């Protein structure tokens, strides 16, 4: 039987040091996701790239018309809901959420009740996330 000999051991201290940088990287990626969600939503697209379902409440349609907001569904009347999206460092990464109860309720109503699925990552954002995480881990292992 032959002996197993380790000729190169990973630099675990270096890896741990590199992984501590993840807080900044994760915060940057989370902020990019927030901006992506906001931009996509303002263009009237859900997280699958489809146009939002139209407004059915005639009173709301009239309110938008009087305010010169148009009839395109983009979940932006005063922009308060989308501006309430924020992120927070979490032990395993970042949490993206609404920082205001009123805006959380609006988001839930749109996302769940009205089936305007805006609060999530689209395919491009998911691909970017996996690529970014993979690149970061690979750098930490060098």
N, C-alpha and C. Protein backbone atom coordinates (compact mmCIF):
# COMPACT_ATOMS: atom_id res chain seq x y z
N UNK A 1 0.84 -1.18 0.00
CA UNK A 1 0.00 0.00 0.00
C UNK A 1 0.88 1.25 0.00
N UNK A 2 0.50 2.22 -0.81
CA UNK A 2 1.31 3.44 -0.87
C UNK A 2 0.76 4.48 0.08
N UNK A 3 1.65 5.32 0.52
CA UNK A 3 1.26 6.42 1.41
C UNK A 3 0.66 7.55 0.60
N UNK A 4 -0.24 8.27 1.22
CA UNK A 4 -0.79 9.47 0.60
C UNK A 4 -0.02 10.65 1.17
N UNK A 5 0.46 11.46 0.28
CA UNK A 5 1.26 12.60 0.71
C UNK A 5 0.64 13.88 0.18
N UNK A 6 0.39 14.82 1.05
CA UNK A 6 -0.17 16.10 0.66
C UNK A 6 0.99 17.00 0.26
N UNK A 7 0.94 17.47 -0.98
CA UNK A 7 2.03 18.30 -1.46
C UNK A 7 1.68 19.78 -1.44
N UNK A 8 0.38 20.06 -1.39
CA UNK A 8 -0.02 21.46 -1.36
C UNK A 8 -1.31 21.56 -0.53
N UNK A 9 -1.27 22.41 0.45
CA UNK A 9 -2.48 22.62 1.25
C UNK A 9 -3.03 24.00 0.95
N UNK A 10 -4.35 24.13 0.93
CA UNK A 10 -4.94 25.45 0.67
C UNK A 10 -4.55 26.44 1.76
N UNK A 11 -4.47 27.67 1.40
CA UNK A 11 -4.18 28.74 2.35
C UNK A 11 -5.50 29.13 3.02
N UNK A 12 -5.88 28.35 4.06
CA UNK A 12 -7.17 28.58 4.70
C UNK A 12 -7.27 29.97 5.32
N UNK A 13 -6.18 30.47 5.87
CA UNK A 13 -6.21 31.83 6.43
C UNK A 13 -6.49 32.85 5.33
N UNK A 14 -5.87 32.66 4.19
CA UNK A 14 -6.09 33.55 3.05
C UNK A 14 -7.52 33.47 2.54
N UNK A 15 -8.05 32.25 2.51
CA UNK A 15 -9.43 32.07 2.06
C UNK A 15 -10.38 32.77 3.01
N UNK A 16 -10.18 32.57 4.30
CA UNK A 16 -11.06 33.23 5.28
C UNK A 16 -10.95 34.74 5.20
N UNK A 17 -9.73 35.23 4.99
CA UNK A 17 -9.55 36.68 4.85
C UNK A 17 -10.29 37.18 3.61
N UNK A 18 -10.18 36.46 2.52
CA UNK A 18 -10.86 36.84 1.28
C UNK A 18 -12.37 36.80 1.46
N UNK A 19 -12.85 35.80 2.17
CA UNK A 19 -14.30 35.67 2.36
C UNK A 19 -14.87 36.79 3.23
N UNK A 20 -14.05 37.42 4.06
CA UNK A 20 -14.53 38.54 4.87
C UNK A 20 -14.89 39.74 3.99
N UNK A 21 -14.33 39.80 2.82
CA UNK A 21 -14.64 40.87 1.88
C UNK A 21 -16.06 40.69 1.32
N UNK A 22 -16.62 39.51 1.48
CA UNK A 22 -17.93 39.22 0.90
C UNK A 22 -19.00 40.19 1.34
N UNK A 23 -18.90 40.73 2.55
CA UNK A 23 -19.91 41.68 3.00
C UNK A 23 -20.04 42.83 2.02
N UNK A 24 -18.91 43.37 1.59
CA UNK A 24 -18.93 44.48 0.63
C UNK A 24 -19.42 44.00 -0.74
N UNK A 25 -18.96 42.84 -1.15
CA UNK A 25 -19.36 42.30 -2.45
C UNK A 25 -20.85 42.01 -2.45
N UNK A 26 -21.33 41.35 -1.40
CA UNK A 26 -22.75 41.01 -1.30
C UNK A 26 -23.60 42.27 -1.26
N UNK A 27 -23.16 43.28 -0.51
CA UNK A 27 -23.90 44.55 -0.45
C UNK A 27 -23.98 45.18 -1.83
N UNK A 28 -22.90 45.14 -2.57
CA UNK A 28 -22.87 45.71 -3.91
C UNK A 28 -23.80 44.95 -4.86
N UNK A 29 -23.77 43.63 -4.79
CA UNK A 29 -24.64 42.81 -5.64
C UNK A 29 -26.10 43.04 -5.26
N UNK A 30 -26.40 43.09 -3.96
CA UNK A 30 -27.78 43.32 -3.51
C UNK A 30 -28.29 44.67 -4.00
N UNK A 31 -27.47 45.68 -3.93
CA UNK A 31 -27.87 47.01 -4.42
C UNK A 31 -28.13 46.97 -5.92
N UNK A 32 -27.31 46.24 -6.63
CA UNK A 32 -27.53 46.09 -8.07
C UNK A 32 -28.85 45.40 -8.37
N UNK A 33 -29.19 44.40 -7.57
CA UNK A 33 -30.47 43.71 -7.75
C UNK A 33 -31.64 44.65 -7.49
N UNK A 34 -31.52 45.48 -6.47
CA UNK A 34 -32.59 46.44 -6.15
C UNK A 34 -32.80 47.39 -7.32
N UNK A 35 -31.73 47.94 -7.83
CA UNK A 35 -31.82 48.87 -8.97
C UNK A 35 -32.42 48.15 -10.17
N UNK A 36 -32.03 46.91 -10.39
CA UNK A 36 -32.59 46.13 -11.49
C UNK A 36 -34.09 45.91 -11.34
N UNK A 37 -34.53 45.57 -10.13
CA UNK A 37 -35.97 45.39 -9.87
C UNK A 37 -36.71 46.69 -10.11
N UNK A 38 -36.16 47.78 -9.60
CA UNK A 38 -36.81 49.09 -9.77
C UNK A 38 -36.91 49.47 -11.25
N UNK A 39 -35.83 49.36 -11.97
CA UNK A 39 -35.82 49.74 -13.40
C UNK A 39 -36.77 48.88 -14.23
N UNK A 40 -36.71 47.58 -14.01
CA UNK A 40 -37.57 46.66 -14.75
C UNK A 40 -39.04 46.95 -14.46
N UNK A 41 -39.37 47.18 -13.19
CA UNK A 41 -40.75 47.45 -12.79
C UNK A 41 -41.24 48.75 -13.41
N UNK A 42 -40.41 49.78 -13.41
CA UNK A 42 -40.81 51.06 -14.00
C UNK A 42 -41.01 50.95 -15.51
N UNK A 43 -40.42 49.94 -16.13
CA UNK A 43 -40.64 49.70 -17.56
C UNK A 43 -41.92 48.91 -17.79
N UNK A 44 -42.60 48.51 -16.70
CA UNK A 44 -43.86 47.77 -16.82
C UNK A 44 -43.69 46.28 -17.02
N UNK A 45 -42.53 45.73 -16.61
CA UNK A 45 -42.24 44.31 -16.80
C UNK A 45 -42.13 43.58 -15.46
N UNK A 46 -42.63 42.34 -15.44
CA UNK A 46 -42.50 41.53 -14.24
C UNK A 46 -41.17 40.79 -14.27
N UNK A 47 -40.93 39.95 -13.28
CA UNK A 47 -39.65 39.26 -13.19
C UNK A 47 -39.46 38.19 -14.26
N UNK A 48 -40.52 37.90 -15.03
CA UNK A 48 -40.41 36.98 -16.16
C UNK A 48 -40.34 37.72 -17.49
N UNK A 49 -40.25 39.05 -17.43
CA UNK A 49 -40.14 39.86 -18.63
C UNK A 49 -41.46 40.16 -19.30
N UNK A 50 -42.56 39.80 -18.66
CA UNK A 50 -43.89 40.03 -19.24
C UNK A 50 -44.47 41.34 -18.73
N UNK A 51 -45.31 41.96 -19.57
CA UNK A 51 -45.99 43.20 -19.16
C UNK A 51 -46.96 42.89 -18.03
N UNK A 52 -47.09 43.84 -17.11
CA UNK A 52 -48.02 43.67 -15.99
C UNK A 52 -49.46 43.64 -16.48
N UNK A 53 -50.30 42.96 -15.72
CA UNK A 53 -51.73 42.95 -15.99
C UNK A 53 -52.24 44.38 -15.85
N UNK A 54 -53.22 44.74 -16.67
CA UNK A 54 -53.75 46.10 -16.68
C UNK A 54 -54.55 46.44 -15.43
N UNK A 55 -54.80 47.74 -15.26
CA UNK A 55 -55.62 48.21 -14.15
C UNK A 55 -57.07 47.89 -14.42
N UNK A 56 -57.77 47.39 -13.41
CA UNK A 56 -59.19 47.08 -13.56
C UNK A 56 -60.06 48.02 -12.73
N UNK A 57 -59.47 48.67 -11.75
CA UNK A 57 -60.21 49.59 -10.88
C UNK A 57 -60.37 50.92 -11.60
N UNK A 58 -61.58 51.21 -12.05
CA UNK A 58 -61.85 52.43 -12.83
C UNK A 58 -61.54 53.70 -12.04
N UNK A 59 -61.78 53.69 -10.74
CA UNK A 59 -61.46 54.87 -9.92
C UNK A 59 -59.96 55.14 -9.93
N UNK A 60 -59.18 54.09 -9.85
CA UNK A 60 -57.73 54.25 -9.87
C UNK A 60 -57.25 54.71 -11.25
N UNK A 61 -57.85 54.17 -12.29
CA UNK A 61 -57.50 54.58 -13.66
C UNK A 61 -57.78 56.08 -13.82
N UNK A 62 -58.91 56.53 -13.28
CA UNK A 62 -59.27 57.96 -13.36
C UNK A 62 -58.29 58.81 -12.54
N UNK A 63 -57.91 58.32 -11.37
CA UNK A 63 -56.94 59.02 -10.52
C UNK A 63 -55.61 59.18 -11.27
N UNK A 64 -55.17 58.13 -11.93
CA UNK A 64 -53.92 58.20 -12.70
C UNK A 64 -54.05 59.17 -13.86
N UNK A 65 -55.20 59.14 -14.52
CA UNK A 65 -55.42 60.03 -15.66
C UNK A 65 -55.35 61.50 -15.21
N UNK A 66 -56.03 61.82 -14.12
CA UNK A 66 -56.03 63.20 -13.60
C UNK A 66 -54.63 63.64 -13.18
N UNK A 67 -53.85 62.72 -12.68
CA UNK A 67 -52.48 63.04 -12.26
C UNK A 67 -51.49 62.97 -13.42
N UNK A 68 -52.02 62.69 -14.63
CA UNK A 68 -51.19 62.59 -15.84
C UNK A 68 -50.11 61.51 -15.70
N UNK A 69 -50.53 60.38 -15.14
CA UNK A 69 -49.61 59.25 -14.94
C UNK A 69 -49.71 58.20 -16.04
N UNK A 70 -50.70 58.29 -16.89
CA UNK A 70 -50.85 57.33 -17.97
C UNK A 70 -51.49 56.04 -17.52
N UNK A 71 -51.73 55.17 -18.47
CA UNK A 71 -52.43 53.92 -18.17
C UNK A 71 -51.50 52.71 -18.11
N UNK A 72 -50.23 52.89 -18.42
CA UNK A 72 -49.28 51.78 -18.38
C UNK A 72 -49.03 51.38 -16.92
N UNK A 73 -49.17 50.10 -16.66
CA UNK A 73 -48.94 49.59 -15.31
C UNK A 73 -47.44 49.47 -15.08
N UNK A 74 -46.92 50.29 -14.17
CA UNK A 74 -45.50 50.22 -13.81
C UNK A 74 -45.29 50.29 -12.30
N UNK A 75 -46.38 50.17 -11.56
CA UNK A 75 -46.35 50.15 -10.09
C UNK A 75 -45.69 51.40 -9.51
N UNK A 76 -45.76 52.48 -10.25
CA UNK A 76 -45.11 53.72 -9.81
C UNK A 76 -46.09 54.88 -9.94
N UNK A 77 -46.66 55.28 -8.82
CA UNK A 77 -47.49 56.48 -8.83
C UNK A 77 -46.66 57.61 -8.23
N UNK A 78 -46.25 57.43 -7.00
CA UNK A 78 -45.35 58.41 -6.36
C UNK A 78 -43.94 57.87 -6.18
N UNK A 79 -43.74 56.61 -6.57
CA UNK A 79 -42.46 55.92 -6.47
C UNK A 79 -42.07 55.56 -5.03
N UNK A 80 -42.99 55.68 -4.09
CA UNK A 80 -42.66 55.38 -2.70
C UNK A 80 -42.41 53.88 -2.49
N UNK A 81 -43.21 53.04 -3.12
CA UNK A 81 -43.06 51.60 -2.91
C UNK A 81 -41.69 51.12 -3.40
N UNK A 82 -41.34 51.47 -4.61
CA UNK A 82 -40.06 50.99 -5.14
C UNK A 82 -38.87 51.59 -4.39
N UNK A 83 -39.01 52.83 -3.94
CA UNK A 83 -37.92 53.45 -3.19
C UNK A 83 -37.77 52.86 -1.79
N UNK A 84 -38.79 52.13 -1.33
CA UNK A 84 -38.72 51.50 -0.01
C UNK A 84 -37.97 50.17 -0.04
N UNK A 85 -37.57 49.73 -1.23
CA UNK A 85 -36.80 48.48 -1.32
C UNK A 85 -35.38 48.78 -0.84
N UNK A 86 -34.91 47.96 0.06
CA UNK A 86 -33.57 48.15 0.61
C UNK A 86 -32.95 46.79 0.89
N UNK A 87 -31.72 46.80 1.33
CA UNK A 87 -31.06 45.54 1.68
C UNK A 87 -30.37 45.69 3.02
N UNK A 88 -30.13 44.55 3.61
CA UNK A 88 -29.49 44.52 4.92
C UNK A 88 -28.56 43.32 4.96
N UNK A 89 -27.42 43.50 5.58
CA UNK A 89 -26.47 42.40 5.73
C UNK A 89 -27.15 41.29 6.54
N UNK A 90 -26.94 40.09 6.08
CA UNK A 90 -27.51 38.92 6.73
C UNK A 90 -26.37 37.94 6.95
N UNK A 91 -26.48 37.06 7.90
CA UNK A 91 -25.34 36.18 8.21
C UNK A 91 -24.86 35.36 7.01
N UNK A 92 -25.77 35.02 6.12
CA UNK A 92 -25.37 34.24 4.94
C UNK A 92 -25.41 35.05 3.66
N UNK A 93 -25.48 36.35 3.74
CA UNK A 93 -25.52 37.19 2.55
C UNK A 93 -26.24 38.49 2.82
N UNK A 94 -27.28 38.73 2.04
CA UNK A 94 -28.05 39.96 2.19
C UNK A 94 -29.53 39.63 2.07
N UNK A 95 -30.32 40.45 2.71
CA UNK A 95 -31.78 40.32 2.65
C UNK A 95 -32.30 41.56 1.93
N UNK A 96 -33.12 41.36 0.90
CA UNK A 96 -33.73 42.47 0.18
C UNK A 96 -35.18 42.53 0.62
N UNK A 97 -35.62 43.70 1.06
CA UNK A 97 -36.94 43.81 1.65
C UNK A 97 -37.46 45.25 1.54
N UNK A 98 -38.69 45.46 1.99
CA UNK A 98 -39.29 46.79 2.04
C UNK A 98 -39.12 47.32 3.45
N UNK A 99 -38.66 48.56 3.58
CA UNK A 99 -38.34 49.11 4.90
C UNK A 99 -39.51 49.87 5.54
N UNK A 100 -40.71 49.67 5.03
CA UNK A 100 -41.86 50.44 5.48
C UNK A 100 -43.10 49.56 5.39
N UNK A 101 -43.88 49.48 6.47
CA UNK A 101 -45.06 48.61 6.49
C UNK A 101 -46.08 48.96 5.42
N UNK A 102 -46.32 50.24 5.20
CA UNK A 102 -47.29 50.66 4.19
C UNK A 102 -46.86 50.18 2.82
N UNK A 103 -45.59 50.36 2.49
CA UNK A 103 -45.08 49.97 1.18
C UNK A 103 -45.01 48.44 1.06
N UNK A 104 -44.75 47.76 2.17
CA UNK A 104 -44.76 46.29 2.17
C UNK A 104 -46.15 45.78 1.81
N UNK A 105 -47.18 46.41 2.37
CA UNK A 105 -48.56 46.01 2.08
C UNK A 105 -48.90 46.28 0.61
N UNK A 106 -48.46 47.41 0.08
CA UNK A 106 -48.68 47.71 -1.34
C UNK A 106 -48.00 46.65 -2.21
N UNK A 107 -46.76 46.35 -1.87
CA UNK A 107 -46.00 45.37 -2.65
C UNK A 107 -46.68 44.01 -2.61
N UNK A 108 -47.12 43.61 -1.44
CA UNK A 108 -47.80 42.32 -1.30
C UNK A 108 -49.08 42.31 -2.15
N UNK A 109 -49.83 43.39 -2.09
CA UNK A 109 -51.05 43.48 -2.88
C UNK A 109 -50.78 43.34 -4.36
N UNK A 110 -49.76 44.01 -4.84
CA UNK A 110 -49.41 43.93 -6.26
C UNK A 110 -48.83 42.57 -6.63
N UNK A 111 -47.89 42.10 -5.84
CA UNK A 111 -47.18 40.87 -6.17
C UNK A 111 -48.06 39.64 -6.03
N UNK A 112 -48.82 39.56 -4.94
CA UNK A 112 -49.59 38.35 -4.64
C UNK A 112 -51.04 38.46 -5.11
N UNK A 113 -51.74 39.46 -4.60
CA UNK A 113 -53.17 39.56 -4.89
C UNK A 113 -53.45 39.89 -6.36
N UNK A 114 -52.71 40.84 -6.89
CA UNK A 114 -52.94 41.26 -8.29
C UNK A 114 -52.06 40.49 -9.28
N UNK A 115 -51.23 39.61 -8.76
CA UNK A 115 -50.36 38.75 -9.58
C UNK A 115 -49.46 39.53 -10.53
N UNK A 116 -48.92 40.61 -10.01
CA UNK A 116 -47.91 41.38 -10.75
C UNK A 116 -46.57 41.04 -10.11
N UNK A 117 -45.98 39.97 -10.56
CA UNK A 117 -44.77 39.40 -9.94
C UNK A 117 -43.53 40.24 -10.26
N UNK A 118 -43.32 41.27 -9.46
CA UNK A 118 -42.21 42.18 -9.72
C UNK A 118 -41.05 41.98 -8.74
N UNK A 119 -41.34 41.50 -7.53
CA UNK A 119 -40.34 41.47 -6.48
C UNK A 119 -39.60 40.13 -6.50
N UNK A 120 -38.62 40.06 -7.37
CA UNK A 120 -37.79 38.88 -7.50
C UNK A 120 -36.76 39.11 -8.59
N UNK A 121 -35.86 38.18 -8.70
CA UNK A 121 -34.80 38.30 -9.69
C UNK A 121 -35.26 37.71 -11.01
N UNK A 122 -34.92 38.40 -12.09
CA UNK A 122 -35.20 37.85 -13.42
C UNK A 122 -34.05 36.90 -13.78
N UNK A 123 -34.17 36.24 -14.91
CA UNK A 123 -33.15 35.25 -15.31
C UNK A 123 -31.76 35.86 -15.43
N UNK A 124 -31.66 37.06 -15.99
CA UNK A 124 -30.35 37.70 -16.13
C UNK A 124 -29.73 37.99 -14.77
N UNK A 125 -30.55 38.43 -13.82
CA UNK A 125 -30.04 38.72 -12.48
C UNK A 125 -29.58 37.43 -11.78
N UNK A 126 -30.34 36.35 -11.95
CA UNK A 126 -29.94 35.08 -11.35
C UNK A 126 -28.62 34.58 -11.96
N UNK A 127 -28.50 34.67 -13.27
CA UNK A 127 -27.26 34.25 -13.93
C UNK A 127 -26.08 35.06 -13.41
N UNK A 128 -26.28 36.38 -13.29
CA UNK A 128 -25.23 37.26 -12.78
C UNK A 128 -24.83 36.86 -11.36
N UNK A 129 -25.85 36.58 -10.53
CA UNK A 129 -25.57 36.22 -9.14
C UNK A 129 -24.71 34.96 -9.08
N UNK A 130 -25.09 33.92 -9.83
CA UNK A 130 -24.31 32.68 -9.78
C UNK A 130 -22.91 32.87 -10.34
N UNK A 131 -22.79 33.67 -11.38
CA UNK A 131 -21.48 33.94 -11.96
C UNK A 131 -20.62 34.71 -10.96
N UNK A 132 -21.18 35.72 -10.33
CA UNK A 132 -20.45 36.55 -9.37
C UNK A 132 -20.01 35.74 -8.15
N UNK A 133 -20.92 34.91 -7.64
CA UNK A 133 -20.58 34.08 -6.48
C UNK A 133 -19.49 33.08 -6.86
N UNK A 134 -19.63 32.45 -8.01
CA UNK A 134 -18.63 31.48 -8.46
C UNK A 134 -17.26 32.12 -8.63
N UNK A 135 -17.23 33.30 -9.23
CA UNK A 135 -15.97 34.02 -9.42
C UNK A 135 -15.34 34.37 -8.08
N UNK A 136 -16.16 34.81 -7.15
CA UNK A 136 -15.65 35.20 -5.84
C UNK A 136 -15.08 34.00 -5.10
N UNK A 137 -15.80 32.89 -5.13
CA UNK A 137 -15.30 31.69 -4.44
C UNK A 137 -14.00 31.21 -5.08
N UNK A 138 -13.95 31.23 -6.40
CA UNK A 138 -12.74 30.80 -7.10
C UNK A 138 -11.54 31.67 -6.72
N UNK A 139 -11.75 32.99 -6.60
CA UNK A 139 -10.66 33.88 -6.19
C UNK A 139 -10.21 33.56 -4.78
N UNK A 140 -11.16 33.23 -3.91
CA UNK A 140 -10.82 32.90 -2.52
C UNK A 140 -10.04 31.60 -2.40
N UNK A 141 -10.21 30.71 -3.36
CA UNK A 141 -9.53 29.42 -3.31
C UNK A 141 -8.14 29.44 -3.93
N UNK A 142 -7.79 30.53 -4.60
CA UNK A 142 -6.45 30.62 -5.23
C UNK A 142 -5.38 30.79 -4.22
